[in-house]
Amino acid sequence: MARHEVSTLGATGRYAIVRWAVRLALISAGACAGRVAEPIRPAGEAESGARARDAAVIGDRDDQPSSRAGASAPPSAGGAAAAASAGAGAVGGAGRGSAGDDPGRVPPDPSDAGTAGAAASLDAAIVEPADAAVPAADGLVPVFLAMGYGTRRIVSCDFGLSWVNDEADVANGGDDGYLVRGLAAGQNVFVAAVGGGGTQKLFSSDDGVTFTRFDRGGNGFSDVSFGLGRFVAGGGHASVISFDGYAFEQPGAMGDGGILRHLAFGDYDGGRFVAVGDNGRRMNSRDGVSWGAQLEEGPGLQGVAYGNGAFVAISGGAETRYSLDGGAGWQAGNIDGAQGVRGILFDGARFIVTSGGDAFTSEDGRAWTRRAATSGPGRFDVSDDRLHYAGAQGGDLFHSSDGLQWTRVKQGGQALERVKFARVKPSPVCPAP
């Protein structure tokens, strides 16, 4: 009788039993694996106690430090996995003229290789709905985070289809100490550059909801990028680095001249960070500390991204600049027909440039193809599976399945300056399913 009852389940029932058995096995394997080791740090680096010295926590846990348990699983640097080293830039919003005055990857535990391989083969047979926020075996959940004026911050737990937890430090923020100017993700942590006008702050979060704030004093940073296992906050005329997103050190000088507003990382020849900004100014760095190859010519550059061996910087119009040697030398380019350019992203396969009308795509950053598109956002990112794009224009939020056709999913609120994707710890706002 028991045999007969099992057989009547049919293919669907047997599929469900296998599916949940697989999940239980993966959860058990993850529990036994324990925490992945923290990244190797340079000798003499301060331990986590340094974080608590100057940090204040904002968000849901106002009176205790942000917990990072379980946040050191294999990283997602934000954006497509195939473009983990790609930077994303966006056209600056209104009132950012004084930003400069105010202004990789940790390898997986080798012991997990067998489990990861088995999980990959089993996942091929277990197909989840594309829009479901299903956590990986490491317990992380997918989150898009958007931040902007007044330190407005808002998250999407379902790949940009809807947005929740809309918060801000102040209403009607301007070009001031509350403006989020840069945002990066890496090693399952978000880091935001906040401030200006003598206010220099860095916000860190391992869930996109609760942030640890570091008030550093001095002029603010314009952007943040992640690569070579470190965050680099810089722009304006100075930089700092962090190996965990919480302890910042090794200040670097970024020279004089036009304000550097945007940073990107590329894996050219072992890795390069590139900064671009006003008056066509550009610099590069191997480590985020020592900067060189300074050049200042051409139009103001309002975004930069890396992919397929090229750094590409955009202006507000058709002119571009591209580098094929890690930012040491640059050539002038052009996007025929482009007007009112808003932002640039490399999604793992191609560059996408948005505008007030059509979009433009390129595989190499030199030859561009015009694409029929809806008016796209100026700040946008893509999920690591390249199935969901999320972006912001002004205070509105948008979703796209291809980076070309956009749907407004939330309207209103203070303008948002940056959008980033990462897989992070679950939270009460974005819980594990």
Foldseek 3Di string as FASTA:
>chain_A
DVVVVVVVCDPVNVLVVVVVVVLVVLLVVLVVVAADDADDDPPPADDPVVLVPFKAKDFPCRPDDADCPLLQAFWQFFFAPLPSQKFWFWFFDPQQQQQLQQAATDDHDVVCVVVVVVVVVVVVVVDDPPQDQADDSSQWTKKKWFAFFQRWIWIDRRQQQAIDDTDGNDAPGHNFQATFQEWIGMSQKIWTWGGAPQWTKIWMDQARGMTMIGTDTGGYFQYWEYHPQWIWTHWSFKIWIDNPNRRTDQMATRDDDFIFHGWGKDCAPNIKIKTFFAQGWIWMDNPNHYIDLTDGHDHTWGIWIDDPQKIKTDDQFFWIWMDNHRRNDIDIAGDPPGHRWTIWYDNSAWIWIFGCFWIWIGRHNHDIDTGGAHHDARAKHADNVLQWIWHFHAHWIWIDRHRGYIDTNDDDDGGTNYMTMTTGHADPVNHRD
